[in-house]
Every structure is written in structure tokens, then in C-alpha cells.
PDB file of N, CA and C in Angstrom:
ATOM      1  N   MET A   1      81.355  68.044  99.243  1.00  0.00           N
ATOM      2  CA  MET A   1      82.436  68.857  99.729  1.00  0.00           C
ATOM      3  C   MET A   1      81.902  70.053 100.462  1.00  0.00           C
ATOM      4  N   ASP A   2      82.408  70.296 101.668  1.00  0.00           N
ATOM      5  CA  ASP A   2      81.868  71.395 102.379  1.00  0.00           C
ATOM      6  C   ASP A   2      82.982  72.492 102.459  1.00  0.00           C
ATOM      7  N   ALA A   3      82.626  73.617 103.084  1.00  0.00           N
ATOM      8  CA  ALA A   3      83.517  74.818 103.089  1.00  0.00           C
ATOM      9  C   ALA A   3      84.813  74.465 103.870  1.00  0.00           C
ATOM     10  N   GLY A   4      84.729  73.653 104.899  1.00  0.00           N
ATOM     11  CA  GLY A   4      85.912  73.316 105.675  1.00  0.00           C
ATOM     12  C   GLY A   4      86.953  72.573 104.834  1.00  0.00           C
ATOM     13  N   PHE A   5      86.487  71.637 104.006  1.00  0.00           N
ATOM     14  CA  PHE A   5      87.439  70.873 103.184  1.00  0.00           C
ATOM     15  C   PHE A   5      88.093  71.855 102.120  1.00  0.00           C
ATOM     16  N   ILE A   6      87.310  72.608 101.548  1.00  0.00           N
ATOM     17  CA  ILE A   6      87.795  73.555 100.496  1.00  0.00           C
ATOM     18  C   ILE A   6      88.848  74.493 101.200  1.00  0.00           C
ATOM     19  N   GLY A   7      88.493  75.034 102.325  1.00  0.00           N
ATOM     20  CA  GLY A   7      89.453  75.877 103.037  1.00  0.00           C
ATOM     21  C   GLY A   7      90.739  75.206 103.388  1.00  0.00           C
ATOM     22  N   SER A   8      90.663  73.946 103.769  1.00  0.00           N
ATOM     23  CA  SER A   8      91.876  73.155 104.074  1.00  0.00           C
ATOM     24  C   SER A   8      92.678  72.983 102.837  1.00  0.00           C
ATOM     25  N   VAL A   9      92.058  72.634 101.670  1.00  0.00           N
ATOM     26  CA  VAL A   9      92.800  72.454 100.506  1.00  0.00           C
ATOM     27  C   VAL A   9      93.461  73.774 100.073  1.00  0.00           C
ATOM     28  N   MET A  10      92.775  74.871 100.184  1.00  0.00           N
ATOM     29  CA  MET A  10      93.345  76.158  99.821  1.00  0.00           C
ATOM     30  C   MET A  10      94.498  76.522 100.704  1.00  0.00           C
ATOM     31  N   THR A  11      94.410  76.230 101.993  1.00  0.00           N
ATOM     32  CA  THR A  11      95.577  76.464 102.975  1.00  0.00           C
ATOM     33  C   THR A  11      96.737  75.713 102.581  1.00  0.00           C
ATOM     34  N   VAL A  12      96.558  74.412 102.232  1.00  0.00           N
ATOM     35  CA  VAL A  12      97.671  73.558 101.868  1.00  0.00           C
ATOM     36  C   VAL A  12      98.324  74.030 100.552  1.00  0.00           C
ATOM     37  N   LEU A  13      97.507  74.429  99.559  1.00  0.00           N
ATOM     38  CA  LEU A  13      97.984  74.897  98.292  1.00  0.00           C
ATOM     39  C   LEU A  13      98.740  76.202  98.457  1.00  0.00           C
ATOM     40  N   SER A  14      98.202  77.137  99.304  1.00  0.00           N
ATOM     41  CA  SER A  14      98.906  78.394  99.594  1.00  0.00           C
ATOM     42  C   SER A  14     100.201  78.147 100.198  1.00  0.00           C
ATOM     43  N   PHE A  15     100.312  77.215 101.183  1.00  0.00           N
ATOM     44  CA  PHE A  15     101.590  76.876 101.827  1.00  0.00           C
ATOM     45  C   PHE A  15     102.581  76.364 100.890  1.00  0.00           C
ATOM     46  N   LEU A  16     102.103  75.440  99.926  1.00  0.00           N
ATOM     47  CA  LEU A  16     103.066  74.926  98.904  1.00  0.00           C
ATOM     48  C   LEU A  16     103.584  75.961  97.939  1.00  0.00           C
ATOM     49  N   VAL A  17     102.704  76.923  97.619  1.00  0.00           N
ATOM     50  CA  VAL A  17     103.135  78.056  96.723  1.00  0.00           C
ATOM     51  C   VAL A  17     104.163  78.865  97.397  1.00  0.00           C
ATOM     52  N   PHE A  18     103.934  79.170  98.713  1.00  0.00           N
ATOM     53  CA  PHE A  18     104.838  79.921  99.526  1.00  0.00           C
ATOM     54  C   PHE A  18     106.235  79.218  99.564  1.00  0.00           C
ATOM     55  N   VAL A  19     106.246  77.918  99.824  1.00  0.00           N
ATOM     56  CA  VAL A  19     107.505  77.220  99.923  1.00  0.00           C
ATOM     57  C   VAL A  19     108.228  77.225  98.582  1.00  0.00           C
ATOM     58  N   ALA A  20     107.473  77.074  97.549  1.00  0.00           N
ATOM     59  CA  ALA A  20     108.082  77.096  96.146  1.00  0.00           C
ATOM     60  C   ALA A  20     108.665  78.542  95.879  1.00  0.00           C
ATOM     61  N   ILE A  21     108.052  79.572  96.275  1.00  0.00           N
ATOM     62  CA  ILE A  21     108.546  80.936  96.100  1.00  0.00           C
ATOM     63  C   ILE A  21     109.843  81.131  96.946  1.00  0.00           C
ATOM     64  N   VAL A  22     109.839  80.635  98.168  1.00  0.00           N
ATOM     65  CA  VAL A  22     111.022  80.833  99.021  1.00  0.00           C
ATOM     66  C   VAL A  22     112.168  79.977  98.474  1.00  0.00           C
ATOM     67  N   TRP A  23     111.861  78.781  98.042  1.00  0.00           N
ATOM     68  CA  TRP A  23     112.880  77.967  97.439  1.00  0.00           C
ATOM     69  C   TRP A  23     113.546  78.603  96.149  1.00  0.00           C
ATOM     70  N   TRP A  24     112.667  79.200  95.299  1.00  0.00           N
ATOM     71  CA  TRP A  24     113.114  79.883  94.098  1.00  0.00           C
ATOM     72  C   TRP A  24     113.981  81.124  94.530  1.00  0.00           C
ATOM     73  N   ALA A  25     113.559  81.847  95.472  1.00  0.00           N
ATOM     74  CA  ALA A  25     114.310  83.039  95.822  1.00  0.00           C
ATOM     75  C   ALA A  25     115.708  82.726  96.390  1.00  0.00           C
ATOM     76  N   PHE A  26     115.800  81.658  97.111  1.00  0.00           N
ATOM     77  CA  PHE A  26     117.091  81.340  97.734  1.00  0.00           C
ATOM     78  C   PHE A  26     117.851  80.277  97.020  1.00  0.00           C
ATOM     79  N   HIS A  27     117.443  79.836  95.862  1.00  0.00           N
ATOM     80  CA  HIS A  27     118.125  78.850  95.118  1.00  0.00           C
ATOM     81  C   HIS A  27     119.485  79.410  94.624  1.00  0.00           C
ATOM     82  N   LYS A  28     120.559  78.696  94.721  1.00  0.00           N
ATOM     83  CA  LYS A  28     121.845  79.168  94.305  1.00  0.00           C
ATOM     84  C   LYS A  28     121.966  79.525  92.830  1.00  0.00           C
ATOM     85  N   GLY A  29     121.190  78.890  91.989  1.00  0.00           N
ATOM     86  CA  GLY A  29     121.218  79.174  90.592  1.00  0.00           C
ATOM     87  C   GLY A  29     120.691  80.566  90.211  1.00  0.00           C
ATOM     88  N   ASN A  30     119.905  81.150  91.074  1.00  0.00           N
ATOM     89  CA  ASN A  30     119.347  82.485  90.830  1.00  0.00           C
ATOM     90  C   ASN A  30     120.196  83.629  91.354  1.00  0.00           C
ATOM     91  N   LYS A  31     121.223  83.295  92.126  1.00  0.00           N
ATOM     92  CA  LYS A  31     122.023  84.337  92.788  1.00  0.00           C
ATOM     93  C   LYS A  31     122.612  85.300  91.751  1.00  0.00           C
ATOM     94  N   GLN A  32     123.201  84.876  90.707  1.00  0.00           N
ATOM     95  CA  GLN A  32     123.818  85.788  89.719  1.00  0.00           C
ATOM     96  C   GLN A  32     122.751  86.637  89.069  1.00  0.00           C
ATOM     97  N   LYS A  33     121.593  86.127  88.732  1.00  0.00           N
ATOM     98  CA  LYS A  33     120.550  86.951  88.111  1.00  0.00           C
ATOM     99  C   LYS A  33     120.084  88.036  89.054  1.00  0.00           C
ATOM    100  N   PHE A  34     119.954  87.690  90.366  1.00  0.00           N
ATOM    101  CA  PHE A  34     119.593  88.712  91.332  1.00  0.00           C
ATOM    102  C   PHE A  34     120.606  89.765  91.589  1.00  0.00           C
ATOM    103  N   GLU A  35     121.911  89.347  91.550  1.00  0.00           N
ATOM    104  CA  GLU A  35     122.985  90.297  91.681  1.00  0.00           C
ATOM    105  C   GLU A  35     122.980  91.234  90.491  1.00  0.00           C
ATOM    106  N   ASP A  36     122.852  90.761  89.278  1.00  0.00           N
ATOM    107  CA  ASP A  36     122.812  91.581  88.183  1.00  0.00           C
ATOM    108  C   ASP A  36     121.615  92.542  88.243  1.00  0.00           C
ATOM    109  N   ALA A  37     120.440  92.149  88.596  1.00  0.00           N
ATOM    110  CA  ALA A  37     119.359  93.022  88.742  1.00  0.00           C
ATOM    111  C   ALA A  37     119.477  94.045  89.768  1.00  0.00           C
ATOM    112  N   ALA A  38     120.232  93.688  90.836  1.00  0.00           N
ATOM    113  CA  ALA A  38     120.456  94.684  91.927  1.00  0.00           C
ATOM    114  C   ALA A  38     121.373  95.740  91.545  1.00  0.00           C
ATOM    115  N   HIS A  39     122.318  95.435  90.618  1.00  0.00           N
ATOM    116  CA  HIS A  39     123.255  96.492  90.118  1.00  0.00           C
ATOM    117  C   HIS A  39     122.842  97.238  88.913  1.00  0.00           C
ATOM    118  N   LEU A  40     121.707  96.905  88.353  1.00  0.00           N
ATOM    119  CA  LEU A  40     121.172  97.555  87.190  1.00  0.00           C
ATOM    120  C   LEU A  40     121.023  99.050  87.258  1.00  0.00           C
ATOM    121  N   PRO A  41     120.477  99.597  88.336  1.00  0.00           N
ATOM    122  CA  PRO A  41     120.318 101.040  88.456  1.00  0.00           C
ATOM    123  C   PRO A  41     121.697 101.772  88.421  1.00  0.00           C
ATOM    124  N   PHE A  42     122.627 101.146  89.058  1.00  0.00           N
ATOM    125  CA  PHE A  42     123.994 101.772  89.078  1.00  0.00           C
ATOM    126  C   PHE A  42     124.651 101.733  87.723  1.00  0.00           C
ATOM    127  N   ARG A  43     124.439 100.728  86.919  1.00  0.00           N
ATOM    128  CA  ARG A  43     125.017 100.653  85.588  1.00  0.00           C
ATOM    129  C   ARG A  43     124.418 101.712  84.726  1.00  0.00           C
ATOM    130  N   GLU A  44     123.117 101.968  84.852  1.00  0.00           N
ATOM    131  CA  GLU A  44     122.427 102.964  84.053  1.00  0.00           C
ATOM    132  C   GLU A  44     122.965 104.352  84.428  1.00  0.00           C
ATOM    133  N   ASP A  45     123.215 104.598  85.651  1.00  0.00           N
ATOM    134  CA  ASP A  45     123.758 105.884  86.129  1.00  0.00           C
ATOM    135  C   ASP A  45     125.173 106.032  85.536  1.00  0.00           C
ATOM    136  N   ALA A  46     125.939 104.989  85.585  1.00  0.00           N
ATOM    137  CA  ALA A  46     127.317 105.086  85.059  1.00  0.00           C
ATOM    138  C   ALA A  46     127.368 105.293  83.548  1.00  0.00           C
ATOM    139  N   ASP A  47     126.449 104.670  82.801  1.00  0.00           N
ATOM    140  CA  ASP A  47     126.336 104.866  81.382  1.00  0.00           C
ATOM    141  C   ASP A  47     125.980 106.327  81.030  1.00  0.00           C
ATOM    142  N   GLU A  48     125.046 106.901  81.840  1.00  0.00           N
ATOM    143  CA  GLU A  48     124.679 108.258  81.552  1.00  0.00           C
ATOM    144  C   GLU A  48     125.830 109.271  81.875  1.00  0.00           C
ATOM    145  N   ALA A  49     126.623 108.935  82.846  1.00  0.00           N
ATOM    146  CA  ALA A  49     127.716 109.790  83.196  1.00  0.00           C
ATOM    147  C   ALA A  49     128.789 109.808  82.151  1.00  0.00           C
ATOM    148  N   ARG A  50     128.942 108.723  81.353  1.00  0.00           N
ATOM    149  CA  ARG A  50     129.950 108.589  80.326  1.00  0.00           C
ATOM    150  C   ARG A  50     129.482 109.272  79.013  1.00  0.00           C
ATOM    151  N   LYS A  51     128.213 109.527  78.891  1.00  0.00           N
ATOM    152  CA  LYS A  51     127.780 110.071  77.594  1.00  0.00           C
ATOM    153  C   LYS A  51     128.244 111.554  77.456  1.00  0.00           C
ATOM    154  N   PRO A  52     128.727 111.829  76.268  1.00  0.00           N
ATOM    155  CA  PRO A  52     129.122 113.289  76.020  1.00  0.00           C
ATOM    156  C   PRO A  52     127.872 114.137  75.808  1.00  0.00           C
ATOM    157  N   ASP A  53     127.878 115.315  76.372  1.00  0.00           N
ATOM    158  CA  ASP A  53     126.732 116.214  76.226  1.00  0.00           C
ATOM    159  C   ASP A  53     126.749 116.902  74.962  1.00  0.00           C
TER     160      ASP A  53
END
């Protein structure tokens, strides 16, 4: 095995990992989890505003 073959294998593996991450990020099943995470800072601010001093 030479450096060219190893470099090619690493390129293909990196591309496959990239495709898997993109698929995971845009998968419909994750939309609700991402929406909940996006609204988390606002919920914490609202909870603090409701606390009596």
C-alpha cells in the first residue's frame, strides 16, 4: 500500500462521513429536536422572568 492509495481511501471515507452528517442534519425525524433546541434559550429567559424575586 502506498501513500496515494491511503490518501484515496481517506478521501472517500471523509466524503461518506460528510454525506452522513448532512443526511442526519436534514432528516425529517430530527426537525422537532432541532426546533426544541433552538427555542431553549428563550424558554430559560421566560422561566427567569416568571420567578418571584
